[in-house]
Amino acid sequence: MESAVITLRVNSRIKAKLDKLAEATRRSKSFLAAEAIERYLEVEAWQIKEIKQGLKEADAGDFVSEEEFARIIKKYAG
């Protein structure tokens, strides 16, 4: 995969954590930062997809019935 260079600023606390993790894992700071960004983007994309799906269902009136909702609450709330 082709790579590209980006530059970003982080506070000194985050940089120190990244330095420690890079040393402990024997990975480059660049590798760890790229991995963290990739994970973040995957989670955000998933969340946006789920929100859009939920809005689509809500617009279609696809809601849980009051009885089913009460059953779910009782199951998990005790």
PDB file of N, CA and C in Angstrom:
ATOM      1  N   MET A   1       0.849  -1.174   0.000  1.00  0.00           N
ATOM      2  CA  MET A   1       0.000   0.000   0.000  1.00  0.00           C
ATOM      3  C   MET A   1       0.895   1.237   0.000  1.00  0.00           C
ATOM      4  N   GLU A   2       0.504   2.182  -0.806  1.00  0.00           N
ATOM      5  CA  GLU A   2       1.249   3.429  -0.882  1.00  0.00           C
ATOM      6  C   GLU A   2       1.020   4.238   0.386  1.00  0.00           C
ATOM      7  N   SER A   3       2.052   4.888   0.858  1.00  0.00           N
ATOM      8  CA  SER A   3       1.895   5.707   2.062  1.00  0.00           C
ATOM      9  C   SER A   3       2.074   7.176   1.712  1.00  0.00           C
ATOM     10  N   ALA A   4       1.583   8.013   2.588  1.00  0.00           N
ATOM     11  CA  ALA A   4       1.691   9.457   2.436  1.00  0.00           C
ATOM     12  C   ALA A   4       2.078  10.048   3.780  1.00  0.00           C
ATOM     13  N   VAL A   5       2.668  11.192   3.749  1.00  0.00           N
ATOM     14  CA  VAL A   5       3.124  11.852   4.970  1.00  0.00           C
ATOM     15  C   VAL A   5       2.091  12.881   5.400  1.00  0.00           C
ATOM     16  N   ILE A   6       1.770  12.878   6.698  1.00  0.00           N
ATOM     17  CA  ILE A   6       0.957  13.941   7.281  1.00  0.00           C
ATOM     18  C   ILE A   6       1.696  14.463   8.510  1.00  0.00           C
ATOM     19  N   THR A   7       1.398  15.668   8.872  1.00  0.00           N
ATOM     20  CA  THR A   7       1.983  16.272  10.063  1.00  0.00           C
ATOM     21  C   THR A   7       0.843  16.690  10.972  1.00  0.00           C
ATOM     22  N   LEU A   8       0.983  16.407  12.270  1.00  0.00           N
ATOM     23  CA  LEU A   8      -0.040  16.836  13.208  1.00  0.00           C
ATOM     24  C   LEU A   8       0.593  17.255  14.516  1.00  0.00           C
ATOM     25  N   ARG A   9      -0.134  18.037  15.246  1.00  0.00           N
ATOM     26  CA  ARG A   9       0.333  18.502  16.548  1.00  0.00           C
ATOM     27  C   ARG A   9      -0.466  17.805  17.633  1.00  0.00           C
ATOM     28  N   VAL A  10       0.245  17.355  18.664  1.00  0.00           N
ATOM     29  CA  VAL A  10      -0.381  16.769  19.836  1.00  0.00           C
ATOM     30  C   VAL A  10       0.246  17.416  21.059  1.00  0.00           C
ATOM     31  N   ASN A  11      -0.456  17.352  22.191  1.00  0.00           N
ATOM     32  CA  ASN A  11       0.135  17.933  23.387  1.00  0.00           C
ATOM     33  C   ASN A  11       1.273  17.049  23.894  1.00  0.00           C
ATOM     34  N   SER A  12       2.097  17.594  24.740  1.00  0.00           N
ATOM     35  CA  SER A  12       3.306  16.887  25.190  1.00  0.00           C
ATOM     36  C   SER A  12       2.977  15.608  25.968  1.00  0.00           C
ATOM     37  N   ARG A  13       1.848  15.575  26.631  1.00  0.00           N
ATOM     38  CA  ARG A  13       1.435  14.371  27.371  1.00  0.00           C
ATOM     39  C   ARG A  13       1.175  13.217  26.410  1.00  0.00           C
ATOM     40  N   ILE A  14       0.481  13.485  25.320  1.00  0.00           N
ATOM     41  CA  ILE A  14       0.197  12.445  24.336  1.00  0.00           C
ATOM     42  C   ILE A  14       1.493  11.998  23.658  1.00  0.00           C
ATOM     43  N   LYS A  15       2.366  12.929  23.353  1.00  0.00           N
ATOM     44  CA  LYS A  15       3.642  12.562  22.730  1.00  0.00           C
ATOM     45  C   LYS A  15       4.455  11.673  23.660  1.00  0.00           C
ATOM     46  N   ALA A  16       4.470  11.987  24.930  1.00  0.00           N
ATOM     47  CA  ALA A  16       5.217  11.170  25.889  1.00  0.00           C
ATOM     48  C   ALA A  16       4.643   9.761  25.958  1.00  0.00           C
ATOM     49  N   LYS A  17       3.323   9.642  25.942  1.00  0.00           N
ATOM     50  CA  LYS A  17       2.691   8.314  25.935  1.00  0.00           C
ATOM     51  C   LYS A  17       3.056   7.549  24.672  1.00  0.00           C
ATOM     52  N   LEU A  18       3.047   8.234  23.546  1.00  0.00           N
ATOM     53  CA  LEU A  18       3.403   7.603  22.284  1.00  0.00           C
ATOM     54  C   LEU A  18       4.860   7.145  22.300  1.00  0.00           C
ATOM     55  N   ASP A  19       5.730   7.982  22.842  1.00  0.00           N
ATOM     56  CA  ASP A  19       7.151   7.611  22.960  1.00  0.00           C
ATOM     57  C   ASP A  19       7.316   6.346  23.803  1.00  0.00           C
ATOM     58  N   LYS A  20       6.641   6.297  24.938  1.00  0.00           N
ATOM     59  CA  LYS A  20       6.733   5.137  25.825  1.00  0.00           C
ATOM     60  C   LYS A  20       6.207   3.876  25.154  1.00  0.00           C
ATOM     61  N   LEU A  21       5.067   4.007  24.493  1.00  0.00           N
ATOM     62  CA  LEU A  21       4.474   2.848  23.829  1.00  0.00           C
ATOM     63  C   LEU A  21       5.360   2.358  22.688  1.00  0.00           C
ATOM     64  N   ALA A  22       5.929   3.275  21.931  1.00  0.00           N
ATOM     65  CA  ALA A  22       6.820   2.890  20.833  1.00  0.00           C
ATOM     66  C   ALA A  22       8.026   2.127  21.371  1.00  0.00           C
ATOM     67  N   GLU A  23       8.563   2.601  22.458  1.00  0.00           N
ATOM     68  CA  GLU A  23       9.715   1.931  23.061  1.00  0.00           C
ATOM     69  C   GLU A  23       9.319   0.548  23.593  1.00  0.00           C
ATOM     70  N   ALA A  24       8.202   0.471  24.271  1.00  0.00           N
ATOM     71  CA  ALA A  24       7.762  -0.793  24.872  1.00  0.00           C
ATOM     72  C   ALA A  24       7.412  -1.841  23.826  1.00  0.00           C
ATOM     73  N   THR A  25       6.861  -1.409  22.712  1.00  0.00           N
ATOM     74  CA  THR A  25       6.418  -2.354  21.681  1.00  0.00           C
ATOM     75  C   THR A  25       7.443  -2.538  20.571  1.00  0.00           C
ATOM     76  N   ARG A  26       8.498  -1.728  20.616  1.00  0.00           N
ATOM     77  CA  ARG A  26       9.526  -1.742  19.571  1.00  0.00           C
ATOM     78  C   ARG A  26       8.923  -1.466  18.199  1.00  0.00           C
ATOM     79  N   ARG A  27       7.951  -0.590  18.197  1.00  0.00           N
ATOM     80  CA  ARG A  27       7.320  -0.129  16.962  1.00  0.00           C
ATOM     81  C   ARG A  27       7.645   1.341  16.802  1.00  0.00           C
ATOM     82  N   SER A  28       7.572   1.815  15.592  1.00  0.00           N
ATOM     83  CA  SER A  28       7.828   3.238  15.374  1.00  0.00           C
ATOM     84  C   SER A  28       6.616   4.052  15.827  1.00  0.00           C
ATOM     85  N   LYS A  29       6.873   5.291  16.188  1.00  0.00           N
ATOM     86  CA  LYS A  29       5.767   6.184  16.558  1.00  0.00           C
ATOM     87  C   LYS A  29       4.838   6.378  15.365  1.00  0.00           C
ATOM     88  N   SER A  30       5.404   6.407  14.187  1.00  0.00           N
ATOM     89  CA  SER A  30       4.614   6.562  12.976  1.00  0.00           C
ATOM     90  C   SER A  30       3.665   5.376  12.789  1.00  0.00           C
ATOM     91  N   PHE A  31       4.170   4.163  12.997  1.00  0.00           N
ATOM     92  CA  PHE A  31       3.332   2.972  12.878  1.00  0.00           C
ATOM     93  C   PHE A  31       2.182   3.025  13.873  1.00  0.00           C
ATOM     94  N   LEU A  32       2.505   3.339  15.124  1.00  0.00           N
ATOM     95  CA  LEU A  32       1.470   3.370  16.166  1.00  0.00           C
ATOM     96  C   LEU A  32       0.434   4.457  15.893  1.00  0.00           C
ATOM     97  N   ALA A  33       0.874   5.622  15.454  1.00  0.00           N
ATOM     98  CA  ALA A  33      -0.062   6.707  15.166  1.00  0.00           C
ATOM     99  C   ALA A  33      -0.963   6.337  13.992  1.00  0.00           C
ATOM    100  N   ALA A  34      -0.381   5.726  12.947  1.00  0.00           N
ATOM    101  CA  ALA A  34      -1.190   5.323  11.795  1.00  0.00           C
ATOM    102  C   ALA A  34      -2.214   4.266  12.196  1.00  0.00           C
ATOM    103  N   GLU A  35      -1.797   3.319  13.043  1.00  0.00           N
ATOM    104  CA  GLU A  35      -2.717   2.283  13.513  1.00  0.00           C
ATOM    105  C   GLU A  35      -3.851   2.903  14.333  1.00  0.00           C
ATOM    106  N   ALA A  36      -3.526   3.848  15.202  1.00  0.00           N
ATOM    107  CA  ALA A  36      -4.547   4.504  16.026  1.00  0.00           C
ATOM    108  C   ALA A  36      -5.529   5.283  15.157  1.00  0.00           C
ATOM    109  N   ILE A  37      -5.036   5.977  14.160  1.00  0.00           N
ATOM    110  CA  ILE A  37      -5.914   6.735  13.266  1.00  0.00           C
ATOM    111  C   ILE A  37      -6.822   5.787  12.499  1.00  0.00           C
ATOM    112  N   GLU A  38      -6.251   4.682  12.013  1.00  0.00           N
ATOM    113  CA  GLU A  38      -7.062   3.714  11.275  1.00  0.00           C
ATOM    114  C   GLU A  38      -8.184   3.146  12.138  1.00  0.00           C
ATOM    115  N   ARG A  39      -7.873   2.770  13.369  1.00  0.00           N
ATOM    116  CA  ARG A  39      -8.908   2.247  14.280  1.00  0.00           C
ATOM    117  C   ARG A  39      -9.984   3.295  14.548  1.00  0.00           C
ATOM    118  N   TYR A  40      -9.567   4.531  14.788  1.00  0.00           N
ATOM    119  CA  TYR A  40     -10.512   5.613  15.036  1.00  0.00           C
ATOM    120  C   TYR A  40     -11.452   5.786  13.845  1.00  0.00           C
ATOM    121  N   LEU A  41     -10.899   5.802  12.651  1.00  0.00           N
ATOM    122  CA  LEU A  41     -11.719   5.995  11.456  1.00  0.00           C
ATOM    123  C   LEU A  41     -12.702   4.849  11.260  1.00  0.00           C
ATOM    124  N   GLU A  42     -12.285   3.622  11.553  1.00  0.00           N
ATOM    125  CA  GLU A  42     -13.189   2.481  11.444  1.00  0.00           C
ATOM    126  C   GLU A  42     -14.358   2.607  12.411  1.00  0.00           C
ATOM    127  N   VAL A  43     -14.075   2.989  13.641  1.00  0.00           N
ATOM    128  CA  VAL A  43     -15.133   3.132  14.650  1.00  0.00           C
ATOM    129  C   VAL A  43     -16.086   4.256  14.268  1.00  0.00           C
ATOM    130  N   GLU A  44     -15.540   5.386  13.838  1.00  0.00           N
ATOM    131  CA  GLU A  44     -16.389   6.516  13.460  1.00  0.00           C
ATOM    132  C   GLU A  44     -17.260   6.178  12.253  1.00  0.00           C
ATOM    133  N   ALA A  45     -16.680   5.499  11.255  1.00  0.00           N
ATOM    134  CA  ALA A  45     -17.454   5.108  10.069  1.00  0.00           C
ATOM    135  C   ALA A  45     -18.579   4.156  10.459  1.00  0.00           C
ATOM    136  N   TRP A  46     -18.282   3.199  11.349  1.00  0.00           N
ATOM    137  CA  TRP A  46     -19.312   2.263  11.815  1.00  0.00           C
ATOM    138  C   TRP A  46     -20.429   3.023  12.529  1.00  0.00           C
ATOM    139  N   GLN A  47     -20.039   3.957  13.396  1.00  0.00           N
ATOM    140  CA  GLN A  47     -21.030   4.696  14.159  1.00  0.00           C
ATOM    141  C   GLN A  47     -21.924   5.529  13.248  1.00  0.00           C
ATOM    142  N   ILE A  48     -21.345   6.191  12.277  1.00  0.00           N
ATOM    143  CA  ILE A  48     -22.133   6.993  11.339  1.00  0.00           C
ATOM    144  C   ILE A  48     -23.093   6.108  10.548  1.00  0.00           C
ATOM    145  N   LYS A  49     -22.608   4.939  10.096  1.00  0.00           N
ATOM    146  CA  LYS A  49     -23.457   4.003   9.367  1.00  0.00           C
ATOM    147  C   LYS A  49     -24.644   3.565  10.220  1.00  0.00           C
ATOM    148  N   GLU A  50     -24.391   3.240  11.483  1.00  0.00           N
ATOM    149  CA  GLU A  50     -25.461   2.801  12.381  1.00  0.00           C
ATOM    150  C   GLU A  50     -26.461   3.921  12.665  1.00  0.00           C
ATOM    151  N   ILE A  51     -25.971   5.136  12.827  1.00  0.00           N
ATOM    152  CA  ILE A  51     -26.867   6.283  13.057  1.00  0.00           C
ATOM    153  C   ILE A  51     -27.759   6.497  11.848  1.00  0.00           C
ATOM    154  N   LYS A  52     -27.167   6.458  10.653  1.00  0.00           N
ATOM    155  CA  LYS A  52     -27.965   6.642   9.436  1.00  0.00           C
ATOM    156  C   LYS A  52     -29.017   5.547   9.301  1.00  0.00           C
ATOM    157  N   GLN A  53     -28.638   4.317   9.623  1.00  0.00           N
ATOM    158  CA  GLN A  53     -29.595   3.210   9.560  1.00  0.00           C
ATOM    159  C   GLN A  53     -30.720   3.425  10.570  1.00  0.00           C
ATOM    160  N   GLY A  54     -30.370   3.860  11.774  1.00  0.00           N
ATOM    161  CA  GLY A  54     -31.381   4.126  12.796  1.00  0.00           C
ATOM    162  C   GLY A  54     -32.326   5.237  12.388  1.00  0.00           C
ATOM    163  N   LEU A  55     -31.792   6.279  11.782  1.00  0.00           N
ATOM    164  CA  LEU A  55     -32.644   7.379  11.310  1.00  0.00           C
ATOM    165  C   LEU A  55     -33.567   6.911  10.193  1.00  0.00           C
ATOM    166  N   LYS A  56     -33.034   6.066   9.317  1.00  0.00           N
ATOM    167  CA  LYS A  56     -33.858   5.525   8.231  1.00  0.00           C
ATOM    168  C   LYS A  56     -35.006   4.702   8.799  1.00  0.00           C
ATOM    169  N   GLU A  57     -34.713   3.869   9.790  1.00  0.00           N
ATOM    170  CA  GLU A  57     -35.754   3.060  10.426  1.00  0.00           C
ATOM    171  C   GLU A  57     -36.766   3.949  11.146  1.00  0.00           C
ATOM    172  N   ALA A  58     -36.283   4.981  11.825  1.00  0.00           N
ATOM    173  CA  ALA A  58     -37.192   5.887  12.533  1.00  0.00           C
ATOM    174  C   ALA A  58     -38.096   6.621  11.545  1.00  0.00           C
ATOM    175  N   ASP A  59     -37.518   7.076  10.433  1.00  0.00           N
ATOM    176  CA  ASP A  59     -38.326   7.753   9.417  1.00  0.00           C
ATOM    177  C   ASP A  59     -39.398   6.835   8.845  1.00  0.00           C
ATOM    178  N   ALA A  60     -39.109   5.529   8.817  1.00  0.00           N
ATOM    179  CA  ALA A  60     -40.074   4.551   8.301  1.00  0.00           C
ATOM    180  C   ALA A  60     -41.067   4.120   9.380  1.00  0.00           C
ATOM    181  N   GLY A  61     -40.906   4.652  10.604  1.00  0.00           N
ATOM    182  CA  GLY A  61     -41.810   4.295  11.696  1.00  0.00           C
ATOM    183  C   GLY A  61     -41.537   2.925  12.279  1.00  0.00           C
ATOM    184  N   ASP A  62     -40.339   2.425  12.061  1.00  0.00           N
ATOM    185  CA  ASP A  62     -39.964   1.083  12.527  1.00  0.00           C
ATOM    186  C   ASP A  62     -39.443   1.168  13.963  1.00  0.00           C
ATOM    187  N   PHE A  63     -40.377   1.149  14.913  1.00  0.00           N
ATOM    188  CA  PHE A  63     -40.041   1.253  16.326  1.00  0.00           C
ATOM    189  C   PHE A  63     -40.443  -0.018  17.062  1.00  0.00           C
ATOM    190  N   VAL A  64     -39.838  -0.219  18.203  1.00  0.00           N
ATOM    191  CA  VAL A  64     -40.209  -1.332  19.056  1.00  0.00           C
ATOM    192  C   VAL A  64     -41.558  -0.994  19.725  1.00  0.00           C
ATOM    193  N   SER A  65     -42.387  -2.012  19.946  1.00  0.00           N
ATOM    194  CA  SER A  65     -43.674  -1.764  20.608  1.00  0.00           C
ATOM    195  C   SER A  65     -43.425  -1.462  22.093  1.00  0.00           C
ATOM    196  N   GLU A  66     -44.396  -0.834  22.714  1.00  0.00           N
ATOM    197  CA  GLU A  66     -44.266  -0.522  24.148  1.00  0.00           C
ATOM    198  C   GLU A  66     -44.122  -1.787  24.975  1.00  0.00           C
ATOM    199  N   GLU A  67     -44.838  -2.848  24.598  1.00  0.00           N
ATOM    200  CA  GLU A  67     -44.768  -4.106  25.330  1.00  0.00           C
ATOM    201  C   GLU A  67     -43.372  -4.731  25.216  1.00  0.00           C
ATOM    202  N   GLU A  68     -42.844  -4.731  24.011  1.00  0.00           N
ATOM    203  CA  GLU A  68     -41.510  -5.306  23.804  1.00  0.00           C
ATOM    204  C   GLU A  68     -40.454  -4.484  24.542  1.00  0.00           C
ATOM    205  N   PHE A  69     -40.599  -3.165  24.517  1.00  0.00           N
ATOM    206  CA  PHE A  69     -39.669  -2.293  25.227  1.00  0.00           C
ATOM    207  C   PHE A  69     -39.718  -2.581  26.727  1.00  0.00           C
ATOM    208  N   ALA A  70     -40.893  -2.727  27.277  1.00  0.00           N
ATOM    209  CA  ALA A  70     -41.041  -3.031  28.708  1.00  0.00           C
ATOM    210  C   ALA A  70     -40.391  -4.369  29.037  1.00  0.00           C
ATOM    211  N   ARG A  71     -40.542  -5.352  28.162  1.00  0.00           N
ATOM    212  CA  ARG A  71     -39.915  -6.652  28.371  1.00  0.00           C
ATOM    213  C   ARG A  71     -38.394  -6.546  28.386  1.00  0.00           C
ATOM    214  N   ILE A  72     -37.858  -5.766  27.483  1.00  0.00           N
ATOM    215  CA  ILE A  72     -36.396  -5.575  27.410  1.00  0.00           C
ATOM    216  C   ILE A  72     -35.889  -4.873  28.661  1.00  0.00           C
ATOM    217  N   ILE A  73     -36.594  -3.834  29.091  1.00  0.00           N
ATOM    218  CA  ILE A  73     -36.181  -3.107  30.307  1.00  0.00           C
ATOM    219  C   ILE A  73     -36.224  -4.044  31.508  1.00  0.00           C
ATOM    220  N   LYS A  74     -37.279  -4.815  31.614  1.00  0.00           N
ATOM    221  CA  LYS A  74     -37.399  -5.737  32.749  1.00  0.00           C
ATOM    222  C   LYS A  74     -36.270  -6.772  32.743  1.00  0.00           C
ATOM    223  N   LYS A  75     -35.933  -7.251  31.545  1.00  0.00           N
ATOM    224  CA  LYS A  75     -34.880  -8.254  31.428  1.00  0.00           C
ATOM    225  C   LYS A  75     -33.534  -7.733  31.917  1.00  0.00           C
ATOM    226  N   TYR A  76     -33.198  -6.504  31.556  1.00  0.00           N
ATOM    227  CA  TYR A  76     -31.871  -5.975  31.872  1.00  0.00           C
ATOM    228  C   TYR A  76     -31.829  -5.136  33.141  1.00  0.00           C
ATOM    229  N   ALA A  77     -32.949  -4.606  33.554  1.00  0.00           N
ATOM    230  CA  ALA A  77     -32.968  -3.781  34.771  1.00  0.00           C
ATOM    231  C   ALA A  77     -33.260  -4.618  36.016  1.00  0.00           C
ATOM    232  N   GLY A  78     -33.719  -5.820  35.788  1.00  0.00           N
ATOM    233  CA  GLY A  78     -33.956  -6.706  36.931  1.00  0.00           C
ATOM    234  C   GLY A  78     -35.326  -6.629  37.383  1.00  0.00           C
TER     235      GLY A  78
END
